[in-house]
Amino acid sequence: LNFGWGVYRATRGLDLGAFSVSWEASALQANLLGQVTTGNMNGLQIGGVNVVGGEMCGVQIGVVNVAERLSGVQIGLLNFAVSQHFFPILNVAF
């Protein structure tokens, strides 16, 4: 739980707050402004801007969703799977 800004080496379980940064995550991340995971992410991200620098395995829900590689679903205004494709509103890749 963070009240503004949280930085973590590895997030496991639940991450709630305003904004967070982690190196890798296997969690439900729900942050008001969003979150950045520099490595791989397994789970669910909900926030304004969701960014994954590695592989996103799961679901991203936000205004802007970005993942280097996607194995899952992105729901938002702008969705980017950088090494794969871009689709507005709904982006699915497996």
Protein backbone atom coordinates (compact mmCIF):
# COMPACT_ATOMS: atom_id res chain seq x y z
CA LEU A 1 0.00 0.00 0.00
CA ASN A 2 1.49 3.34 -0.98
CA PHE A 3 0.31 6.87 -0.38
CA GLY A 4 1.75 8.61 -3.40
CA TRP A 5 4.75 6.77 -4.79
CA GLY A 6 6.05 3.25 -4.22
CA VAL A 7 9.20 1.60 -5.58
CA TYR A 8 9.71 -2.16 -5.28
CA ARG A 9 12.24 -4.75 -6.44
CA ALA A 10 9.59 -7.44 -6.86
CA THR A 11 5.88 -7.08 -6.26
CA ARG A 12 3.97 -10.20 -5.20
CA GLY A 13 0.31 -10.22 -4.28
CA LEU A 14 -1.40 -6.83 -4.08
CA ASP A 15 -0.17 -3.31 -4.92
CA LEU A 16 -2.56 -0.44 -4.15
CA GLY A 17 -2.00 3.31 -4.16
CA ALA A 18 -1.39 6.30 -6.40
CA PHE A 19 1.64 5.23 -8.50
CA SER A 20 4.23 2.47 -8.27
CA VAL A 21 7.39 1.23 -9.97
CA SER A 22 8.69 -2.32 -9.73
CA TRP A 23 11.35 -4.38 -11.44
CA GLU A 24 9.05 -7.39 -11.81
CA ALA A 25 5.58 -8.25 -10.61
CA SER A 26 3.19 -11.14 -10.10
CA ALA A 27 0.28 -9.30 -8.64
CA LEU A 28 -2.90 -7.30 -8.83
CA GLN A 29 -1.63 -3.75 -9.28
CA ALA A 30 -4.32 -1.11 -8.89
CA ASN A 31 -2.91 2.41 -8.72
CA LEU A 32 -4.88 5.57 -9.46
CA LEU A 33 -2.28 7.15 -11.77
CA GLY A 34 -0.73 3.87 -12.92
CA GLN A 35 2.33 1.71 -12.62
CA VAL A 36 5.57 0.86 -14.37
CA THR A 37 7.08 -2.62 -14.29
CA THR A 38 10.50 -2.60 -15.94
CA GLY A 39 10.67 -6.39 -16.34
CA ASN A 40 7.95 -9.03 -16.69
CA MET A 41 4.45 -8.74 -15.24
CA ASN A 42 2.02 -11.59 -14.49
CA GLY A 43 -1.44 -10.62 -13.34
CA LEU A 44 -3.75 -7.62 -13.57
CA GLN A 45 -2.85 -3.93 -13.87
CA ILE A 46 -5.52 -1.27 -13.37
CA GLY A 47 -4.60 2.42 -13.54
CA GLY A 48 -4.36 5.51 -15.69
CA VAL A 49 -1.10 4.48 -17.41
CA ASN A 50 0.21 0.91 -17.27
CA VAL A 51 3.70 0.14 -18.61
CA VAL A 52 5.54 -3.19 -18.77
CA GLY A 53 9.10 -3.25 -20.11
CA GLY A 54 9.15 -7.03 -20.59
CA GLU A 55 6.33 -9.51 -21.17
CA MET A 56 2.82 -8.79 -19.89
CA CYS A 57 0.99 -12.04 -19.11
CA GLY A 58 -2.50 -11.08 -18.04
CA VAL A 59 -4.74 -8.04 -18.33
CA GLN A 60 -4.06 -4.29 -18.44
CA ILE A 61 -6.97 -1.89 -17.96
CA GLY A 62 -6.29 1.84 -18.23
CA VAL A 63 -6.30 4.93 -20.42
CA VAL A 64 -2.89 4.00 -21.89
CA ASN A 65 -1.46 0.47 -21.78
CA VAL A 66 2.05 -0.38 -22.97
CA ALA A 67 3.91 -3.71 -22.99
CA GLU A 68 7.02 -4.80 -24.85
CA ARG A 69 5.38 -8.21 -25.46
CA LEU A 70 1.78 -9.17 -24.70
CA SER A 71 0.29 -12.53 -23.77
CA GLY A 72 -3.13 -11.39 -22.70
CA VAL A 73 -5.54 -8.48 -23.07
CA GLN A 74 -5.22 -4.69 -22.99
CA ILE A 75 -8.38 -2.60 -22.53
CA GLY A 76 -8.02 1.18 -22.87
CA LEU A 77 -8.01 4.21 -25.10
CA LEU A 78 -4.46 3.51 -26.40
CA ASN A 79 -2.96 0.01 -26.29
CA PHE A 80 0.56 -0.82 -27.42
CA ALA A 81 2.30 -4.18 -27.60
CA VAL A 82 5.55 -2.62 -28.82
CA SER A 83 7.10 -5.67 -30.48
CA GLN A 84 3.72 -6.83 -31.82
CA HIS A 85 1.05 -4.23 -32.64
CA PHE A 86 -1.13 -1.28 -31.62
CA PHE A 87 -4.91 -1.32 -31.27
CA PRO A 88 -7.20 1.25 -29.63
CA ILE A 89 -9.90 0.14 -27.18
CA LEU A 90 -9.12 -3.63 -27.10
CA ASN A 91 -5.83 -5.40 -27.87
CA VAL A 92 -5.53 -9.19 -27.56
CA ALA A 93 -2.43 -11.32 -28.12
CA PHE A 94 -1.48 -14.87 -27.13
